[in-house]
Amino acid sequence: MTKILLVCSEGMSTSMLVQKMREAADKQGVEADINAVAEVALKKHIAGTQVLLLGPQVRYLFDRLAAEYTPAGVHVAVIDMVDYGRMNGEAVLKKALEFVQK
């Protein structure tokens, strides 16, 4: 099972995207544990995460989080702004799964 964690400033807007991603995963038969957290709660939820996706509004955290978590094998990326704005869960899930397959 792939563990994907989305991060934003409050965890609210990414929660909607998480729901769309879960629906896409179910539709595709993909086993994935997908959740969203606020940046301040990240350390409590990072264990076991394979892909860490940042909401566009917190992209400024990318360098710090990539430096911290990439050495531990976590793929860190910023969610595409268009996919985020359209709440395109299928596209975001596809990109997250591509990281795991690399």
PDB file of N, CA and C in Angstrom:
ATOM      1  N   MET A   1       0.851  -1.179   0.000  1.00  0.00           N
ATOM      2  CA  MET A   1       0.000   0.000   0.000  1.00  0.00           C
ATOM      3  C   MET A   1       0.895   1.240   0.000  1.00  0.00           C
ATOM      4  N   THR A   2       0.553   2.179  -0.839  1.00  0.00           N
ATOM      5  CA  THR A   2       1.310   3.420  -0.951  1.00  0.00           C
ATOM      6  C   THR A   2       0.746   4.450   0.017  1.00  0.00           C
ATOM      7  N   LYS A   3       1.628   5.056   0.798  1.00  0.00           N
ATOM      8  CA  LYS A   3       1.190   6.099   1.730  1.00  0.00           C
ATOM      9  C   LYS A   3       1.552   7.461   1.150  1.00  0.00           C
ATOM     10  N   ILE A   4       0.513   8.269   0.921  1.00  0.00           N
ATOM     11  CA  ILE A   4       0.667   9.600   0.341  1.00  0.00           C
ATOM     12  C   ILE A   4       0.135  10.611   1.341  1.00  0.00           C
ATOM     13  N   LEU A   5       0.933  11.616   1.615  1.00  0.00           N
ATOM     14  CA  LEU A   5       0.545  12.648   2.572  1.00  0.00           C
ATOM     15  C   LEU A   5       0.585  14.007   1.888  1.00  0.00           C
ATOM     16  N   LEU A   6      -0.520  14.734   1.968  1.00  0.00           N
ATOM     17  CA  LEU A   6      -0.598  16.079   1.415  1.00  0.00           C
ATOM     18  C   LEU A   6      -0.479  17.078   2.547  1.00  0.00           C
ATOM     19  N   VAL A   7       0.227  18.171   2.277  1.00  0.00           N
ATOM     20  CA  VAL A   7       0.456  19.193   3.294  1.00  0.00           C
ATOM     21  C   VAL A   7       0.021  20.545   2.756  1.00  0.00           C
ATOM     22  N   CYS A   8      -0.693  21.289   3.581  1.00  0.00           N
ATOM     23  CA  CYS A   8      -0.997  22.684   3.256  1.00  0.00           C
ATOM     24  C   CYS A   8      -0.935  23.482   4.552  1.00  0.00           C
ATOM     25  N   SER A   9      -1.300  24.726   4.482  1.00  0.00           N
ATOM     26  CA  SER A   9      -1.157  25.569   5.668  1.00  0.00           C
ATOM     27  C   SER A   9      -2.106  25.155   6.786  1.00  0.00           C
ATOM     28  N   GLU A  10      -3.318  24.793   6.458  1.00  0.00           N
ATOM     29  CA  GLU A  10      -4.293  24.408   7.484  1.00  0.00           C
ATOM     30  C   GLU A  10      -4.827  22.986   7.323  1.00  0.00           C
ATOM     31  N   GLY A  11      -4.569  22.350   6.200  1.00  0.00           N
ATOM     32  CA  GLY A  11      -5.073  20.997   5.969  1.00  0.00           C
ATOM     33  C   GLY A  11      -6.494  20.954   5.457  1.00  0.00           C
ATOM     34  N   MET A  12      -7.100  22.115   5.242  1.00  0.00           N
ATOM     35  CA  MET A  12      -8.505  22.163   4.822  1.00  0.00           C
ATOM     36  C   MET A  12      -8.664  21.937   3.317  1.00  0.00           C
ATOM     37  N   SER A  13      -8.008  22.765   2.521  1.00  0.00           N
ATOM     38  CA  SER A  13      -8.201  22.666   1.075  1.00  0.00           C
ATOM     39  C   SER A  13      -7.670  21.346   0.535  1.00  0.00           C
ATOM     40  N   THR A  14      -6.588  20.852   1.101  1.00  0.00           N
ATOM     41  CA  THR A  14      -6.069  19.576   0.627  1.00  0.00           C
ATOM     42  C   THR A  14      -6.984  18.419   1.008  1.00  0.00           C
ATOM     43  N   SER A  15      -7.794  18.584   2.022  1.00  0.00           N
ATOM     44  CA  SER A  15      -8.738  17.527   2.411  1.00  0.00           C
ATOM     45  C   SER A  15      -9.720  17.230   1.285  1.00  0.00           C
ATOM     46  N   MET A  16     -10.137  18.261   0.571  1.00  0.00           N
ATOM     47  CA  MET A  16     -11.038  18.054  -0.571  1.00  0.00           C
ATOM     48  C   MET A  16     -10.324  17.277  -1.674  1.00  0.00           C
ATOM     49  N   LEU A  17      -9.068  17.622  -1.910  1.00  0.00           N
ATOM     50  CA  LEU A  17      -8.292  16.925  -2.934  1.00  0.00           C
ATOM     51  C   LEU A  17      -8.041  15.476  -2.527  1.00  0.00           C
ATOM     52  N   VAL A  18      -7.800  15.234  -1.262  1.00  0.00           N
ATOM     53  CA  VAL A  18      -7.612  13.868  -0.763  1.00  0.00           C
ATOM     54  C   VAL A  18      -8.830  13.016  -1.098  1.00  0.00           C
ATOM     55  N   GLN A  19     -10.013  13.547  -0.896  1.00  0.00           N
ATOM     56  CA  GLN A  19     -11.229  12.794  -1.201  1.00  0.00           C
ATOM     57  C   GLN A  19     -11.277  12.418  -2.681  1.00  0.00           C
ATOM     58  N   LYS A  20     -10.925  13.362  -3.546  1.00  0.00           N
ATOM     59  CA  LYS A  20     -10.914  13.097  -4.993  1.00  0.00           C
ATOM     60  C   LYS A  20      -9.847  12.050  -5.338  1.00  0.00           C
ATOM     61  N   MET A  21      -8.704  12.120  -4.674  1.00  0.00           N
ATOM     62  CA  MET A  21      -7.643  11.140  -4.913  1.00  0.00           C
ATOM     63  C   MET A  21      -8.064   9.750  -4.448  1.00  0.00           C
ATOM     64  N   ARG A  22      -8.738   9.675  -3.308  1.00  0.00           N
ATOM     65  CA  ARG A  22      -9.228   8.382  -2.811  1.00  0.00           C
ATOM     66  C   ARG A  22     -10.233   7.778  -3.783  1.00  0.00           C
ATOM     67  N   GLU A  23     -11.120   8.616  -4.311  1.00  0.00           N
ATOM     68  CA  GLU A  23     -12.104   8.141  -5.288  1.00  0.00           C
ATOM     69  C   GLU A  23     -11.401   7.601  -6.528  1.00  0.00           C
ATOM     70  N   ALA A  24     -10.375   8.314  -6.995  1.00  0.00           N
ATOM     71  CA  ALA A  24      -9.616   7.871  -8.170  1.00  0.00           C
ATOM     72  C   ALA A  24      -8.898   6.557  -7.881  1.00  0.00           C
ATOM     73  N   ALA A  25      -8.325   6.429  -6.695  1.00  0.00           N
ATOM     74  CA  ALA A  25      -7.624   5.196  -6.319  1.00  0.00           C
ATOM     75  C   ALA A  25      -8.591   4.016  -6.283  1.00  0.00           C
ATOM     76  N   ASP A  26      -9.756   4.216  -5.693  1.00  0.00           N
ATOM     77  CA  ASP A  26     -10.767   3.153  -5.644  1.00  0.00           C
ATOM     78  C   ASP A  26     -11.175   2.732  -7.051  1.00  0.00           C
ATOM     79  N   LYS A  27     -11.395   3.719  -7.904  1.00  0.00           N
ATOM     80  CA  LYS A  27     -11.819   3.472  -9.282  1.00  0.00           C
ATOM     81  C   LYS A  27     -10.765   2.671 -10.044  1.00  0.00           C
ATOM     82  N   GLN A  28      -9.489   2.935  -9.743  1.00  0.00           N
ATOM     83  CA  GLN A  28      -8.387   2.267 -10.444  1.00  0.00           C
ATOM     84  C   GLN A  28      -7.924   0.986  -9.748  1.00  0.00           C
ATOM     85  N   GLY A  29      -8.496   0.693  -8.589  1.00  0.00           N
ATOM     86  CA  GLY A  29      -8.086  -0.488  -7.844  1.00  0.00           C
ATOM     87  C   GLY A  29      -6.710  -0.347  -7.210  1.00  0.00           C
ATOM     88  N   VAL A  30      -6.327   0.886  -6.913  1.00  0.00           N
ATOM     89  CA  VAL A  30      -5.025   1.170  -6.312  1.00  0.00           C
ATOM     90  C   VAL A  30      -5.175   1.210  -4.798  1.00  0.00           C
ATOM     91  N   GLU A  31      -4.313   0.472  -4.108  1.00  0.00           N
ATOM     92  CA  GLU A  31      -4.327   0.511  -2.646  1.00  0.00           C
ATOM     93  C   GLU A  31      -3.434   1.651  -2.189  1.00  0.00           C
ATOM     94  N   ALA A  32      -4.041   2.667  -1.617  1.00  0.00           N
ATOM     95  CA  ALA A  32      -3.281   3.836  -1.173  1.00  0.00           C
ATOM     96  C   ALA A  32      -3.897   4.400   0.094  1.00  0.00           C
ATOM     97  N   ASP A  33      -3.024   4.812   0.984  1.00  0.00           N
ATOM     98  CA  ASP A  33      -3.422   5.501   2.213  1.00  0.00           C
ATOM     99  C   ASP A  33      -3.125   6.974   1.955  1.00  0.00           C
ATOM    100  N   ILE A  34      -4.162   7.765   1.743  1.00  0.00           N
ATOM    101  CA  ILE A  34      -4.003   9.163   1.346  1.00  0.00           C
ATOM    102  C   ILE A  34      -4.626  10.053   2.409  1.00  0.00           C
ATOM    103  N   ASN A  35      -3.831  10.966   2.941  1.00  0.00           N
ATOM    104  CA  ASN A  35      -4.309  11.870   3.988  1.00  0.00           C
ATOM    105  C   ASN A  35      -3.746  13.266   3.781  1.00  0.00           C
ATOM    106  N   ALA A  36      -4.343  14.224   4.483  1.00  0.00           N
ATOM    107  CA  ALA A  36      -3.886  15.615   4.446  1.00  0.00           C
ATOM    108  C   ALA A  36      -3.674  16.111   5.861  1.00  0.00           C
ATOM    109  N   VAL A  37      -2.630  16.908   6.031  1.00  0.00           N
ATOM    110  CA  VAL A  37      -2.346  17.500   7.335  1.00  0.00           C
ATOM    111  C   VAL A  37      -1.876  18.934   7.148  1.00  0.00           C
ATOM    112  N   ALA A  38      -2.019  19.698   8.205  1.00  0.00           N
ATOM    113  CA  ALA A  38      -1.440  21.038   8.234  1.00  0.00           C
ATOM    114  C   ALA A  38       0.060  20.889   8.438  1.00  0.00           C
ATOM    115  N   GLU A  39       0.815  21.846   7.950  1.00  0.00           N
ATOM    116  CA  GLU A  39       2.276  21.785   8.050  1.00  0.00           C
ATOM    117  C   GLU A  39       2.745  21.615   9.486  1.00  0.00           C
ATOM    118  N   VAL A  40       2.063  22.237  10.424  1.00  0.00           N
ATOM    119  CA  VAL A  40       2.478  22.149  11.832  1.00  0.00           C
ATOM    120  C   VAL A  40       2.318  20.736  12.402  1.00  0.00           C
ATOM    121  N   ALA A  41       1.500  19.894  11.771  1.00  0.00           N
ATOM    122  CA  ALA A  41       1.269  18.526  12.252  1.00  0.00           C
ATOM    123  C   ALA A  41       2.052  17.481  11.458  1.00  0.00           C
ATOM    124  N   LEU A  42       2.861  17.917  10.532  1.00  0.00           N
ATOM    125  CA  LEU A  42       3.554  16.991   9.635  1.00  0.00           C
ATOM    126  C   LEU A  42       4.383  15.947  10.370  1.00  0.00           C
ATOM    127  N   LYS A  43       5.181  16.352  11.320  1.00  0.00           N
ATOM    128  CA  LYS A  43       6.077  15.411  12.015  1.00  0.00           C
ATOM    129  C   LYS A  43       5.319  14.267  12.690  1.00  0.00           C
ATOM    130  N   LYS A  44       4.086  14.528  13.122  1.00  0.00           N
ATOM    131  CA  LYS A  44       3.288  13.485  13.778  1.00  0.00           C
ATOM    132  C   LYS A  44       2.769  12.445  12.788  1.00  0.00           C
ATOM    133  N   HIS A  45       2.723  12.799  11.506  1.00  0.00           N
ATOM    134  CA  HIS A  45       2.076  11.937  10.516  1.00  0.00           C
ATOM    135  C   HIS A  45       3.006  11.416   9.424  1.00  0.00           C
ATOM    136  N   ILE A  46       4.264  11.781   9.454  1.00  0.00           N
ATOM    137  CA  ILE A  46       5.181  11.456   8.358  1.00  0.00           C
ATOM    138  C   ILE A  46       5.622   9.991   8.333  1.00  0.00           C
ATOM    139  N   ALA A  47       5.583   9.314   9.457  1.00  0.00           N
ATOM    140  CA  ALA A  47       6.084   7.928   9.527  1.00  0.00           C
ATOM    141  C   ALA A  47       5.432   7.041   8.467  1.00  0.00           C
ATOM    142  N   GLY A  48       6.262   6.364   7.698  1.00  0.00           N
ATOM    143  CA  GLY A  48       5.769   5.446   6.679  1.00  0.00           C
ATOM    144  C   GLY A  48       5.368   6.090   5.374  1.00  0.00           C
ATOM    145  N   THR A  49       5.419   7.408   5.306  1.00  0.00           N
ATOM    146  CA  THR A  49       5.016   8.119   4.091  1.00  0.00           C
ATOM    147  C   THR A  49       6.026   7.865   2.976  1.00  0.00           C
ATOM    148  N   GLN A  50       5.509   7.590   1.788  1.00  0.00           N
ATOM    149  CA  GLN A  50       6.362   7.399   0.618  1.00  0.00           C
ATOM    150  C   GLN A  50       6.380   8.638  -0.267  1.00  0.00           C
ATOM    151  N   VAL A  51       5.246   9.339  -0.325  1.00  0.00           N
ATOM    152  CA  VAL A  51       5.150  10.543  -1.155  1.00  0.00           C
ATOM    153  C   VAL A  51       4.554  11.666  -0.321  1.00  0.00           C
ATOM    154  N   LEU A  52       5.267  12.777  -0.272  1.00  0.00           N
ATOM    155  CA  LEU A  52       4.825  13.970   0.447  1.00  0.00           C
ATOM    156  C   LEU A  52       4.545  15.043  -0.590  1.00  0.00           C
ATOM    157  N   LEU A  53       3.279  15.438  -0.697  1.00  0.00           N
ATOM    158  CA  LEU A  53       2.874  16.431  -1.686  1.00  0.00           C
ATOM    159  C   LEU A  53       2.501  17.733  -0.995  1.00  0.00           C
ATOM    160  N   LEU A  54       3.090  18.817  -1.469  1.00  0.00           N
ATOM    161  CA  LEU A  54       2.827  20.129  -0.884  1.00  0.00           C
ATOM    162  C   LEU A  54       1.797  20.875  -1.713  1.00  0.00           C
ATOM    163  N   GLY A  55       0.827  21.471  -1.039  1.00  0.00           N
ATOM    164  CA  GLY A  55      -0.112  22.340  -1.722  1.00  0.00           C
ATOM    165  C   GLY A  55       0.635  23.541  -2.276  1.00  0.00           C
ATOM    166  N   PRO A  56       0.166  24.105  -3.388  1.00  0.00           N
ATOM    167  CA  PRO A  56       0.868  25.243  -3.995  1.00  0.00           C
ATOM    168  C   PRO A  56       1.093  26.406  -3.028  1.00  0.00           C
ATOM    169  N   GLN A  57       0.188  26.589  -2.078  1.00  0.00           N
ATOM    170  CA  GLN A  57       0.310  27.711  -1.145  1.00  0.00           C
ATOM    171  C   GLN A  57       1.447  27.539  -0.144  1.00  0.00           C
ATOM    172  N   VAL A  58       1.995  26.330  -0.033  1.00  0.00           N
ATOM    173  CA  VAL A  58       3.136  26.103   0.868  1.00  0.00           C
ATOM    174  C   VAL A  58       4.367  25.616   0.097  1.00  0.00           C
ATOM    175  N   ARG A  59       4.430  25.921  -1.172  1.00  0.00           N
ATOM    176  CA  ARG A  59       5.576  25.488  -1.978  1.00  0.00           C
ATOM    177  C   ARG A  59       6.893  26.044  -1.450  1.00  0.00           C
ATOM    178  N   TYR A  60       6.820  27.149  -0.709  1.00  0.00           N
ATOM    179  CA  TYR A  60       8.027  27.734  -0.119  1.00  0.00           C
ATOM    180  C   TYR A  60       8.697  26.777   0.878  1.00  0.00           C
ATOM    181  N   LEU A  61       7.995  25.744   1.319  1.00  0.00           N
ATOM    182  CA  LEU A  61       8.552  24.753   2.245  1.00  0.00           C
ATOM    183  C   LEU A  61       9.328  23.644   1.535  1.00  0.00           C
ATOM    184  N   PHE A  62       9.257  23.633   0.214  1.00  0.00           N
ATOM    185  CA  PHE A  62       9.823  22.515  -0.541  1.00  0.00           C
ATOM    186  C   PHE A  62      11.290  22.245  -0.212  1.00  0.00           C
ATOM    187  N   ASP A  63      12.139  23.251  -0.293  1.00  0.00           N
ATOM    188  CA  ASP A  63      13.576  23.024  -0.081  1.00  0.00           C
ATOM    189  C   ASP A  63      13.859  22.414   1.290  1.00  0.00           C
ATOM    190  N   ARG A  64      13.238  22.964   2.306  1.00  0.00           N
ATOM    191  CA  ARG A  64      13.469  22.465   3.665  1.00  0.00           C
ATOM    192  C   ARG A  64      12.958  21.040   3.836  1.00  0.00           C
ATOM    193  N   LEU A  65      11.738  20.777   3.366  1.00  0.00           N
ATOM    194  CA  LEU A  65      11.164  19.441   3.545  1.00  0.00           C
ATOM    195  C   LEU A  65      11.863  18.403   2.677  1.00  0.00           C
ATOM    196  N   ALA A  66      12.263  18.791   1.474  1.00  0.00           N
ATOM    197  CA  ALA A  66      12.993  17.861   0.611  1.00  0.00           C
ATOM    198  C   ALA A  66      14.336  17.501   1.239  1.00  0.00           C
ATOM    199  N   ALA A  67      15.021  18.493   1.790  1.00  0.00           N
ATOM    200  CA  ALA A  67      16.310  18.228   2.438  1.00  0.00           C
ATOM    201  C   ALA A  67      16.144  17.322   3.657  1.00  0.00           C
ATOM    202  N   GLU A  68      15.035  17.480   4.351  1.00  0.00           N
ATOM    203  CA  GLU A  68      14.798  16.696   5.562  1.00  0.00           C
ATOM    204  C   GLU A  68      14.327  15.272   5.276  1.00  0.00           C
ATOM    205  N   TYR A  69      13.432  15.111   4.291  1.00  0.00           N
ATOM    206  CA  TYR A  69      12.789  13.811   4.106  1.00  0.00           C
ATOM    207  C   TYR A  69      13.277  12.990   2.913  1.00  0.00           C
ATOM    208  N   THR A  70      13.864  13.615   1.906  1.00  0.00           N
ATOM    209  CA  THR A  70      14.357  12.851   0.762  1.00  0.00           C
ATOM    210  C   THR A  70      15.407  11.821   1.171  1.00  0.00           C
ATOM    211  N   PRO A  71      16.362  12.168   2.056  1.00  0.00           N
ATOM    212  CA  PRO A  71      17.342  11.155   2.469  1.00  0.00           C
ATOM    213  C   PRO A  71      16.709   9.928   3.139  1.00  0.00           C
ATOM    214  N   ALA A  72      15.511  10.094   3.678  1.00  0.00           N
ATOM    215  CA  ALA A  72      14.806   8.980   4.323  1.00  0.00           C
ATOM    216  C   ALA A  72      13.961   8.188   3.321  1.00  0.00           C
ATOM    217  N   GLY A  73      14.064   8.547   2.026  1.00  0.00           N
ATOM    218  CA  GLY A  73      13.335   7.819   0.996  1.00  0.00           C
ATOM    219  C   GLY A  73      11.954   8.352   0.682  1.00  0.00           C
ATOM    220  N   VAL A  74      11.618   9.529   1.192  1.00  0.00           N
ATOM    221  CA  VAL A  74      10.312  10.136   0.917  1.00  0.00           C
ATOM    222  C   VAL A  74      10.438  11.015  -0.328  1.00  0.00           C
ATOM    223  N   HIS A  75       9.559  10.806  -1.281  1.00  0.00           N
ATOM    224  CA  HIS A  75       9.528  11.643  -2.477  1.00  0.00           C
ATOM    225  C   HIS A  75       8.731  12.900  -2.138  1.00  0.00           C
ATOM    226  N   VAL A  76       9.351  14.060  -2.295  1.00  0.00           N
ATOM    227  CA  VAL A  76       8.713  15.332  -1.952  1.00  0.00           C
ATOM    228  C   VAL A  76       8.476  16.114  -3.239  1.00  0.00           C
ATOM    229  N   ALA A  77       7.256  16.620  -3.423  1.00  0.00           N
ATOM    230  CA  ALA A  77       6.927  17.384  -4.624  1.00  0.00           C
ATOM    231  C   ALA A  77       5.845  18.403  -4.302  1.00  0.00           C
ATOM    232  N   VAL A  78       5.745  19.403  -5.171  1.00  0.00           N
ATOM    233  CA  VAL A  78       4.682  20.402  -5.070  1.00  0.00           C
ATOM    234  C   VAL A  78       3.587  20.002  -6.049  1.00  0.00           C
ATOM    235  N   ILE A  79       2.351  20.037  -5.600  1.00  0.00           N
ATOM    236  CA  ILE A  79       1.212  19.705  -6.453  1.00  0.00           C
ATOM    237  C   ILE A  79       1.067  20.777  -7.528  1.00  0.00           C
ATOM    238  N   ASP A  80       0.867  20.330  -8.757  1.00  0.00           N
ATOM    239  CA  ASP A  80       0.646  21.249  -9.872  1.00  0.00           C
ATOM    240  C   ASP A  80      -0.522  22.181  -9.553  1.00  0.00           C
ATOM    241  N   MET A  81      -0.307  23.478  -9.778  1.00  0.00           N
ATOM    242  CA  MET A  81      -1.307  24.475  -9.406  1.00  0.00           C
ATOM    243  C   MET A  81      -2.632  24.280 -10.149  1.00  0.00           C
ATOM    244  N   VAL A  82      -2.561  23.909 -11.418  1.00  0.00           N
ATOM    245  CA  VAL A  82      -3.787  23.705 -12.199  1.00  0.00           C
ATOM    246  C   VAL A  82      -4.547  22.484 -11.679  1.00  0.00           C
ATOM    247  N   ASP A  83      -3.832  21.387 -11.447  1.00  0.00           N
ATOM    248  CA  ASP A  83      -4.483  20.182 -10.909  1.00  0.00           C
ATOM    249  C   ASP A  83      -5.079  20.460  -9.537  1.00  0.00           C
ATOM    250  N   TYR A  84      -4.365  21.240  -8.744  1.00  0.00           N
ATOM    251  CA  TYR A  84      -4.853  21.592  -7.410  1.00  0.00           C
ATOM    252  C   TYR A  84      -6.114  22.449  -7.512  1.00  0.00           C
ATOM    253  N   GLY A  85      -6.062  23.463  -8.336  1.00  0.00           N
ATOM    254  CA  GLY A  85      -7.202  24.370  -8.491  1.00  0.00           C
ATOM    255  C   GLY A  85      -8.447  23.671  -9.008  1.00  0.00           C
ATOM    256  N   ARG A  86      -8.245  22.707  -9.867  1.00  0.00           N
ATOM    257  CA  ARG A  86      -9.373  21.954 -10.436  1.00  0.00           C
ATOM    258  C   ARG A  86      -9.760  20.753  -9.581  1.00  0.00           C
ATOM    259  N   MET A  87      -9.008  20.543  -8.483  1.00  0.00           N
ATOM    260  CA  MET A  87      -9.232  19.386  -7.616  1.00  0.00           C
ATOM    261  C   MET A  87      -9.211  18.101  -8.439  1.00  0.00           C
ATOM    262  N   ASN A  88      -8.208  17.994  -9.315  1.00  0.00           N
ATOM    263  CA  ASN A  88      -8.060  16.849 -10.205  1.00  0.00           C
ATOM    264  C   ASN A  88      -7.336  15.720  -9.467  1.00  0.00           C
ATOM    265  N   GLY A  89      -8.091  14.999  -8.681  1.00  0.00           N
ATOM    266  CA  GLY A  89      -7.529  13.923  -7.875  1.00  0.00           C
ATOM    267  C   GLY A  89      -6.879  12.832  -8.697  1.00  0.00           C
ATOM    268  N   GLU A  90      -7.432  12.556  -9.862  1.00  0.00           N
ATOM    269  CA  GLU A  90      -6.878  11.514 -10.720  1.00  0.00           C
ATOM    270  C   GLU A  90      -5.466  11.882 -11.189  1.00  0.00           C
ATOM    271  N   ALA A  91      -5.277  13.123 -11.619  1.00  0.00           N
ATOM    272  CA  ALA A  91      -3.962  13.568 -12.102  1.00  0.00           C
ATOM    273  C   ALA A  91      -2.940  13.614 -10.970  1.00  0.00           C
ATOM    274  N   VAL A  92      -3.348  14.098  -9.811  1.00  0.00           N
ATOM    275  CA  VAL A  92      -2.427  14.188  -8.674  1.00  0.00           C
ATOM    276  C   VAL A  92      -2.044  12.785  -8.203  1.00  0.00           C
ATOM    277  N   LEU A  93      -2.997  11.877  -8.161  1.00  0.00           N
ATOM    278  CA  LEU A  93      -2.705  10.493  -7.787  1.00  0.00           C
ATOM    279  C   LEU A  93      -1.729   9.866  -8.776  1.00  0.00           C
ATOM    280  N   LYS A  94      -1.960  10.071 -10.055  1.00  0.00           N
ATOM    281  CA  LYS A  94      -1.083   9.513 -11.085  1.00  0.00           C
ATOM    282  C   LYS A  94       0.349   9.976 -10.878  1.00  0.00           C
ATOM    283  N   LYS A  95       0.533  11.265 -10.643  1.00  0.00           N
ATOM    284  CA  LYS A  95       1.883  11.800 -10.442  1.00  0.00           C
ATOM    285  C   LYS A  95       2.513  11.240  -9.169  1.00  0.00           C
ATOM    286  N   ALA A  96       1.731  11.101  -8.119  1.00  0.00           N
ATOM    287  CA  ALA A  96       2.254  10.550  -6.863  1.00  0.00           C
ATOM    288  C   ALA A  96       2.707   9.106  -7.057  1.00  0.00           C
ATOM    289  N   LEU A  97       1.921   8.327  -7.766  1.00  0.00           N
ATOM    290  CA  LEU A  97       2.273   6.926  -7.997  1.00  0.00           C
ATOM    291  C   LEU A  97       3.502   6.792  -8.889  1.00  0.00           C
ATOM    292  N   GLU A  98       3.694   7.744  -9.799  1.00  0.00           N
ATOM    293  CA  GLU A  98       4.892   7.735 -10.645  1.00  0.00           C
ATOM    294  C   GLU A  98       6.152   7.884  -9.799  1.00  0.00           C
ATOM    295  N   PHE A  99       6.099   8.667  -8.739  1.00  0.00           N
ATOM    296  CA  PHE A  99       7.255   8.819  -7.852  1.00  0.00           C
ATOM    297  C   PHE A  99       7.627   7.487  -7.215  1.00  0.00           C
ATOM    298  N   VAL A 100       6.630   6.738  -6.808  1.00  0.00           N
ATOM    299  CA  VAL A 100       6.873   5.465  -6.129  1.00  0.00           C
ATOM    300  C   VAL A 100       7.452   4.439  -7.096  1.00  0.00           C
ATOM    301  N   GLN A 101       7.050   4.506  -8.348  1.00  0.00           N
ATOM    302  CA  GLN A 101       7.504   3.533  -9.339  1.00  0.00           C
ATOM    303  C   GLN A 101       8.914   3.807  -9.843  1.00  0.00           C
ATOM    304  N   LYS A 102       9.457   4.988  -9.564  1.00  0.00           N
ATOM    305  CA  LYS A 102      10.811   5.333 -10.041  1.00  0.00           C
ATOM    306  C   LYS A 102      11.863   4.564  -9.287  1.00  0.00           C
TER     307      LYS A 102
END
